[in-house]
C-alpha cells in the first residue's frame, strides 16, 4: 500500500520528491503528473534526441512515452525510482520509432555539449576547443554503424546496463558488449586529438 502524500498547496512547490509526485500521479492527480513530467522533460527530450538522431522523432518518442507513463504509473512498484523508469520508457519509445522509420539527421548540440565538460566557461580558448571536440564527437558518432552508435548512446548517455542495451537492440548480452566495445574503440581512436 502506498503512503499518502501532501496535497493542494504543497504540491505547487517544486521541492517535492519524485516518489511523492509519482504516488500522487498514480492516484490520478494530473497536477502531480505534470510536475513530475515537467521536472524530467528536458532530460527525456535530450536523451530521445540522442537515441533517434532527430529532434522531431525525439518529440514523438517523448509524447508517446508521456502517455505510457501516465497510463502505467499505477503499476510502478518503486515510486522512488520514477526517473529511471521514465527514462526506460522513453528509450523504448525512441527505439520503436527508429525501427519504424529512418530518423532525420538532426543533432541537439546542447545534449552533445553536456557530454564534454568545460572547466572554465569564460575561457574563449576552452570554449572553442570544446566546441570543436563536440563537433568531432558528433561526426565520429555519425560514422559509427547504427548498432554501435545506439549501444554507445544507451550506455554513455542513458546509463543502461548491458542487459538493457541487449533488450533494446534485440541482441544477446555478449553481442551488445561487442557492439559497445567496438564503438568505444572507434571513438577512442577518432577522438585522440581531443585528449
C-alpha atoms as a PDB file:
ATOM      1  CA  UNK A   1       0.000   0.000   0.000  1.00  0.00           C
ATOM      2  CA  UNK A   2       1.336   3.435  -0.893  1.00  0.00           C
ATOM      3  CA  UNK A   3       1.904   6.113   1.728  1.00  0.00           C
ATOM      4  CA  UNK A   4      -0.221   9.234   1.437  1.00  0.00           C
ATOM      5  CA  UNK A   5       1.416  12.343   0.050  1.00  0.00           C
ATOM      6  CA  UNK A   6       0.927  16.077   0.596  1.00  0.00           C
ATOM      7  CA  UNK A   7      -1.944  17.707  -1.278  1.00  0.00           C
ATOM      8  CA  UNK A   8      -3.010  21.110  -2.566  1.00  0.00           C
ATOM      9  CA  UNK A   9      -0.595  23.945  -1.916  1.00  0.00           C
ATOM     10  CA  UNK A  10       2.294  21.646  -1.014  1.00  0.00           C
ATOM     11  CA  UNK A  11       2.073  20.123  -4.489  1.00  0.00           C
ATOM     12  CA  UNK A  12       2.610  23.508  -6.111  1.00  0.00           C
ATOM     13  CA  UNK A  13       6.172  23.532  -4.738  1.00  0.00           C
ATOM     14  CA  UNK A  14       8.915  22.143  -6.931  1.00  0.00           C
ATOM     15  CA  UNK A  15      10.646  20.656  -3.905  1.00  0.00           C
ATOM     16  CA  UNK A  16       8.518  17.508  -3.646  1.00  0.00           C
ATOM     17  CA  UNK A  17      10.487  14.324  -4.319  1.00  0.00           C
ATOM     18  CA  UNK A  18       9.781  12.235  -7.395  1.00  0.00           C
ATOM     19  CA  UNK A  19       8.349   9.472  -5.223  1.00  0.00           C
ATOM     20  CA  UNK A  20       5.672  11.777  -3.795  1.00  0.00           C
ATOM     21  CA  UNK A  21       4.749  13.108  -7.220  1.00  0.00           C
ATOM     22  CA  UNK A  22       4.665   9.568  -8.651  1.00  0.00           C
ATOM     23  CA  UNK A  23       2.371   8.342  -5.874  1.00  0.00           C
ATOM     24  CA  UNK A  24       0.009  11.281  -6.344  1.00  0.00           C
ATOM     25  CA  UNK A  25       0.046  10.910 -10.133  1.00  0.00           C
ATOM     26  CA  UNK A  26      -0.618   7.174  -9.846  1.00  0.00           C
ATOM     27  CA  UNK A  27      -3.691   8.057  -7.809  1.00  0.00           C
ATOM     28  CA  UNK A  28      -4.932  10.235 -10.694  1.00  0.00           C
ATOM     29  CA  UNK A  29      -3.524  13.646  -9.664  1.00  0.00           C
ATOM     30  CA  UNK A  30      -2.910  15.354 -13.020  1.00  0.00           C
ATOM     31  CA  UNK A  31      -1.064  18.288 -11.391  1.00  0.00           C
ATOM     32  CA  UNK A  32       1.406  15.886  -9.760  1.00  0.00           C
ATOM     33  CA  UNK A  33       1.929  14.132 -13.086  1.00  0.00           C
ATOM     34  CA  UNK A  34       2.502  17.463 -14.807  1.00  0.00           C
ATOM     35  CA  UNK A  35       5.070  18.454 -12.163  1.00  0.00           C
ATOM     36  CA  UNK A  36       6.881  15.118 -12.475  1.00  0.00           C
ATOM     37  CA  UNK A  37       6.895  15.294 -16.250  1.00  0.00           C
ATOM     38  CA  UNK A  38       7.984  18.947 -16.321  1.00  0.00           C
ATOM     39  CA  UNK A  39      10.887  18.111 -13.982  1.00  0.00           C
ATOM     40  CA  UNK A  40      12.288  15.422 -16.289  1.00  0.00           C
ATOM     41  CA  UNK A  41      11.134  16.613 -19.707  1.00  0.00           C
ATOM     42  CA  UNK A  42      14.449  18.289 -20.694  1.00  0.00           C
ATOM     43  CA  UNK A  43      16.418  15.112 -19.901  1.00  0.00           C
ATOM     44  CA  UNK A  44      13.839  12.902 -21.593  1.00  0.00           C
ATOM     45  CA  UNK A  45      13.926  15.051 -24.724  1.00  0.00           C
ATOM     46  CA  UNK A  46      17.730  15.260 -24.856  1.00  0.00           C
ATOM     47  CA  UNK A  47      18.009  11.503 -24.346  1.00  0.00           C
ATOM     48  CA  UNK A  48      15.445  10.723 -27.046  1.00  0.00           C
ATOM     49  CA  UNK A  49      17.173  13.163 -29.417  1.00  0.00           C
ATOM     50  CA  UNK A  50      20.499  11.413 -28.915  1.00  0.00           C
ATOM     51  CA  UNK A  51      18.934   7.999 -29.408  1.00  0.00           C
ATOM     52  CA  UNK A  52      16.934   8.856 -32.521  1.00  0.00           C
ATOM     53  CA  UNK A  53      19.302  11.411 -34.016  1.00  0.00           C
ATOM     54  CA  UNK A  54      16.305  13.602 -34.783  1.00  0.00           C
ATOM     55  CA  UNK A  55      14.616  16.298 -32.765  1.00  0.00           C
ATOM     56  CA  UNK A  56      11.288  15.594 -34.490  1.00  0.00           C
ATOM     57  CA  UNK A  57      11.484  11.871 -33.697  1.00  0.00           C
ATOM     58  CA  UNK A  58      12.542  12.705 -30.141  1.00  0.00           C
ATOM     59  CA  UNK A  59       9.438  14.843 -29.621  1.00  0.00           C
ATOM     60  CA  UNK A  60       7.295  11.984 -30.938  1.00  0.00           C
ATOM     61  CA  UNK A  61       9.035   9.477 -28.654  1.00  0.00           C
ATOM     62  CA  UNK A  62       8.656  11.713 -25.594  1.00  0.00           C
ATOM     63  CA  UNK A  63       4.994  12.348 -26.397  1.00  0.00           C
ATOM     64  CA  UNK A  64       4.307   8.620 -26.700  1.00  0.00           C
ATOM     65  CA  UNK A  65       6.345   7.949 -23.561  1.00  0.00           C
ATOM     66  CA  UNK A  66       4.344  10.561 -21.632  1.00  0.00           C
ATOM     67  CA  UNK A  67       1.095   8.826 -22.481  1.00  0.00           C
ATOM     68  CA  UNK A  68       2.545   5.449 -21.470  1.00  0.00           C
ATOM     69  CA  UNK A  69       3.972   6.870 -18.242  1.00  0.00           C
ATOM     70  CA  UNK A  70       0.581   8.300 -17.253  1.00  0.00           C
ATOM     71  CA  UNK A  71      -1.163   5.017 -18.076  1.00  0.00           C
ATOM     72  CA  UNK A  72       1.440   2.788 -16.348  1.00  0.00           C
ATOM     73  CA  UNK A  73       2.155   4.870 -13.211  1.00  0.00           C
ATOM     74  CA  UNK A  74      -0.328   2.906 -11.068  1.00  0.00           C
ATOM     75  CA  UNK A  75       1.816  -0.203 -11.738  1.00  0.00           C
ATOM     76  CA  UNK A  76       5.116   1.437 -10.740  1.00  0.00           C
ATOM     77  CA  UNK A  77       6.382  -0.707  -7.848  1.00  0.00           C
ATOM     78  CA  UNK A  78       9.097   1.696  -6.654  1.00  0.00           C
ATOM     79  CA  UNK A  79       7.945   5.345  -6.783  1.00  0.00           C
ATOM     80  CA  UNK A  80      11.442   6.483  -5.727  1.00  0.00           C
ATOM     81  CA  UNK A  81      12.774   5.022  -8.999  1.00  0.00           C
ATOM     82  CA  UNK A  82      10.349   7.033 -11.150  1.00  0.00           C
ATOM     83  CA  UNK A  83      13.055   8.914 -13.079  1.00  0.00           C
ATOM     84  CA  UNK A  84      14.889   5.781 -14.227  1.00  0.00           C
ATOM     85  CA  UNK A  85      11.606   4.064 -15.028  1.00  0.00           C
ATOM     86  CA  UNK A  86      10.503   7.063 -17.113  1.00  0.00           C
ATOM     87  CA  UNK A  87      13.824   7.109 -18.987  1.00  0.00           C
ATOM     88  CA  UNK A  88      13.453   3.409 -19.853  1.00  0.00           C
ATOM     89  CA  UNK A  89      10.028   4.107 -21.316  1.00  0.00           C
ATOM     90  CA  UNK A  90      11.494   6.982 -23.348  1.00  0.00           C
ATOM     91  CA  UNK A  91      14.240   4.723 -24.685  1.00  0.00           C
ATOM     92  CA  UNK A  92      11.717   2.013 -25.638  1.00  0.00           C
ATOM     93  CA  UNK A  93       9.593   4.561 -27.487  1.00  0.00           C
ATOM     94  CA  UNK A  94      12.656   6.016 -29.212  1.00  0.00           C
ATOM     95  CA  UNK A  95      13.720   2.571 -30.399  1.00  0.00           C
ATOM     96  CA  UNK A  96      10.197   1.857 -31.585  1.00  0.00           C
ATOM     97  CA  UNK A  97      10.456   4.963 -33.774  1.00  0.00           C
ATOM     98  CA  UNK A  98      13.930   4.005 -35.002  1.00  0.00           C
ATOM     99  CA  UNK A  99      12.627   0.602 -36.047  1.00  0.00           C
ATOM    100  CA  UNK A 100       9.552   2.122 -37.689  1.00  0.00           C
ATOM    101  CA  UNK A 101      11.263   4.768 -39.778  1.00  0.00           C
ATOM    102  CA  UNK A 102      14.618   6.190 -40.742  1.00  0.00           C
ATOM    103  CA  UNK A 103      15.268   9.201 -38.460  1.00  0.00           C
ATOM    104  CA  UNK A 104      16.217  12.571 -39.883  1.00  0.00           C
ATOM    105  CA  UNK A 105      19.758  13.733 -39.185  1.00  0.00           C
ATOM    106  CA  UNK A 106      19.176  16.469 -36.596  1.00  0.00           C
ATOM    107  CA  UNK A 107      21.553  16.656 -33.635  1.00  0.00           C
ATOM    108  CA  UNK A 108      20.920  18.606 -30.441  1.00  0.00           C
ATOM    109  CA  UNK A 109      24.183  20.487 -29.837  1.00  0.00           C
ATOM    110  CA  UNK A 110      23.284  21.155 -26.193  1.00  0.00           C
ATOM    111  CA  UNK A 111      22.842  17.451 -25.456  1.00  0.00           C
ATOM    112  CA  UNK A 112      26.205  16.648 -27.045  1.00  0.00           C
ATOM    113  CA  UNK A 113      27.821  19.540 -25.154  1.00  0.00           C
ATOM    114  CA  UNK A 114      26.609  18.030 -21.892  1.00  0.00           C
ATOM    115  CA  UNK A 115      28.829  15.003 -22.557  1.00  0.00           C
ATOM    116  CA  UNK A 116      32.009  17.074 -22.674  1.00  0.00           C
ATOM    117  CA  UNK A 117      32.547  19.201 -19.544  1.00  0.00           C
ATOM    118  CA  UNK A 118      34.170  22.605 -19.870  1.00  0.00           C
ATOM    119  CA  UNK A 119      36.161  23.577 -16.765  1.00  0.00           C
ATOM    120  CA  UNK A 120      36.188  27.320 -17.325  1.00  0.00           C
ATOM    121  CA  UNK A 121      33.230  28.556 -19.340  1.00  0.00           C
ATOM    122  CA  UNK A 122      34.665  32.085 -19.547  1.00  0.00           C
ATOM    123  CA  UNK A 123      37.906  30.978 -21.270  1.00  0.00           C
ATOM    124  CA  UNK A 124      37.460  31.525 -25.040  1.00  0.00           C
ATOM    125  CA  UNK A 125      40.183  29.004 -25.895  1.00  0.00           C
ATOM    126  CA  UNK A 126      38.388  26.312 -23.881  1.00  0.00           C
ATOM    127  CA  UNK A 127      35.054  27.241 -25.444  1.00  0.00           C
ATOM    128  CA  UNK A 128      36.476  26.944 -28.967  1.00  0.00           C
ATOM    129  CA  UNK A 129      38.244  23.689 -28.081  1.00  0.00           C
ATOM    130  CA  UNK A 130      35.131  22.215 -26.511  1.00  0.00           C
ATOM    131  CA  UNK A 131      33.007  23.226 -29.492  1.00  0.00           C
ATOM    132  CA  UNK A 132      35.465  21.596 -31.871  1.00  0.00           C
ATOM    133  CA  UNK A 133      35.540  18.469 -29.693  1.00  0.00           C
ATOM    134  CA  UNK A 134      31.736  18.301 -29.638  1.00  0.00           C
ATOM    135  CA  UNK A 135      31.688  18.655 -33.422  1.00  0.00           C
ATOM    136  CA  UNK A 136      34.328  15.916 -33.662  1.00  0.00           C
ATOM    137  CA  UNK A 137      32.324  13.627 -31.384  1.00  0.00           C
ATOM    138  CA  UNK A 138      29.111  14.306 -33.331  1.00  0.00           C
ATOM    139  CA  UNK A 139      30.864  13.446 -36.598  1.00  0.00           C
ATOM    140  CA  UNK A 140      32.514  10.346 -35.117  1.00  0.00           C
ATOM    141  CA  UNK A 141      29.161   9.145 -33.732  1.00  0.00           C
ATOM    142  CA  UNK A 142      27.504   9.714 -37.102  1.00  0.00           C
ATOM    143  CA  UNK A 143      30.113   7.491 -38.798  1.00  0.00           C
ATOM    144  CA  UNK A 144      29.531   4.564 -36.428  1.00  0.00           C
ATOM    145  CA  UNK A 145      27.305   1.724 -37.601  1.00  0.00           C
ATOM    146  CA  UNK A 146      23.787   2.047 -36.162  1.00  0.00           C
ATOM    147  CA  UNK A 147      24.102  -0.730 -33.566  1.00  0.00           C
ATOM    148  CA  UNK A 148      27.431   0.597 -32.298  1.00  0.00           C
ATOM    149  CA  UNK A 149      26.121   4.177 -32.068  1.00  0.00           C
ATOM    150  CA  UNK A 150      22.943   3.090 -30.318  1.00  0.00           C
ATOM    151  CA  UNK A 151      24.873   0.864 -27.895  1.00  0.00           C
ATOM    152  CA  UNK A 152      27.235   3.707 -27.033  1.00  0.00           C
ATOM    153  CA  UNK A 153      24.395   6.201 -26.528  1.00  0.00           C
ATOM    154  CA  UNK A 154      22.391   3.814 -24.352  1.00  0.00           C
ATOM    155  CA  UNK A 155      25.410   3.126 -22.146  1.00  0.00           C
ATOM    156  CA  UNK A 156      27.154   6.505 -22.031  1.00  0.00           C
ATOM    157  CA  UNK A 157      24.173   8.856 -22.216  1.00  0.00           C
ATOM    158  CA  UNK A 158      21.409   6.640 -20.864  1.00  0.00           C
ATOM    159  CA  UNK A 159      23.483   4.760 -18.268  1.00  0.00           C
ATOM    160  CA  UNK A 160      21.805   1.499 -19.195  1.00  0.00           C
ATOM    161  CA  UNK A 161      23.189  -1.929 -18.312  1.00  0.00           C
ATOM    162  CA  UNK A 162      24.432  -4.413 -20.897  1.00  0.00           C
ATOM    163  CA  UNK A 163      21.260  -6.460 -20.394  1.00  0.00           C
ATOM    164  CA  UNK A 164      19.075  -3.388 -21.004  1.00  0.00           C
ATOM    165  CA  UNK A 165      21.079  -2.487 -24.109  1.00  0.00           C
ATOM    166  CA  UNK A 166      20.701  -6.051 -25.391  1.00  0.00           C
ATOM    167  CA  UNK A 167      16.950  -5.936 -24.788  1.00  0.00           C
ATOM    168  CA  UNK A 168      16.518  -2.574 -26.561  1.00  0.00           C
ATOM    169  CA  UNK A 169      18.565  -3.617 -29.573  1.00  0.00           C
ATOM    170  CA  UNK A 170      17.304  -7.185 -29.807  1.00  0.00           C
ATOM    171  CA  UNK A 171      20.768  -8.670 -29.227  1.00  0.00           C
ATOM    172  CA  UNK A 172      22.322 -11.110 -26.820  1.00  0.00           C
ATOM    173  CA  UNK A 173      24.207  -9.564 -23.898  1.00  0.00           C
ATOM    174  CA  UNK A 174      27.502 -10.744 -25.434  1.00  0.00           C
ATOM    175  CA  UNK A 175      26.632  -9.119 -28.769  1.00  0.00           C
ATOM    176  CA  UNK A 176      25.662  -5.884 -27.004  1.00  0.00           C
ATOM    177  CA  UNK A 177      29.021  -5.880 -25.180  1.00  0.00           C
ATOM    178  CA  UNK A 178      30.784  -6.446 -28.505  1.00  0.00           C
ATOM    179  CA  UNK A 179      28.945  -3.583 -30.217  1.00  0.00           C
ATOM    180  CA  UNK A 180      29.767  -1.269 -27.320  1.00  0.00           C
ATOM    181  CA  UNK A 181      33.431  -2.334 -27.252  1.00  0.00           C
ATOM    182  CA  UNK A 182      33.809  -1.676 -30.979  1.00  0.00           C
ATOM    183  CA  UNK A 183      32.087   1.706 -30.632  1.00  0.00           C
ATOM    184  CA  UNK A 184      34.372   2.705 -27.752  1.00  0.00           C
ATOM    185  CA  UNK A 185      37.485   1.591 -29.626  1.00  0.00           C
ATOM    186  CA  UNK A 186      36.496   3.527 -32.747  1.00  0.00           C
ATOM    187  CA  UNK A 187      35.571   6.666 -30.793  1.00  0.00           C
ATOM    188  CA  UNK A 188      38.772   6.494 -28.739  1.00  0.00           C
ATOM    189  CA  UNK A 189      40.835   6.357 -31.915  1.00  0.00           C
ATOM    190  CA  UNK A 190      38.867   9.085 -33.669  1.00  0.00           C
ATOM    191  CA  UNK A 191      38.837  11.415 -30.655  1.00  0.00           C
ATOM    192  CA  UNK A 192      42.563  11.007 -29.884  1.00  0.00           C
ATOM    193  CA  UNK A 193      43.398  14.557 -30.990  1.00  0.00           C
ATOM    194  CA  UNK A 194      40.920  15.994 -28.439  1.00  0.00           C
ATOM    195  CA  UNK A 195      42.630  14.473 -25.413  1.00  0.00           C
END
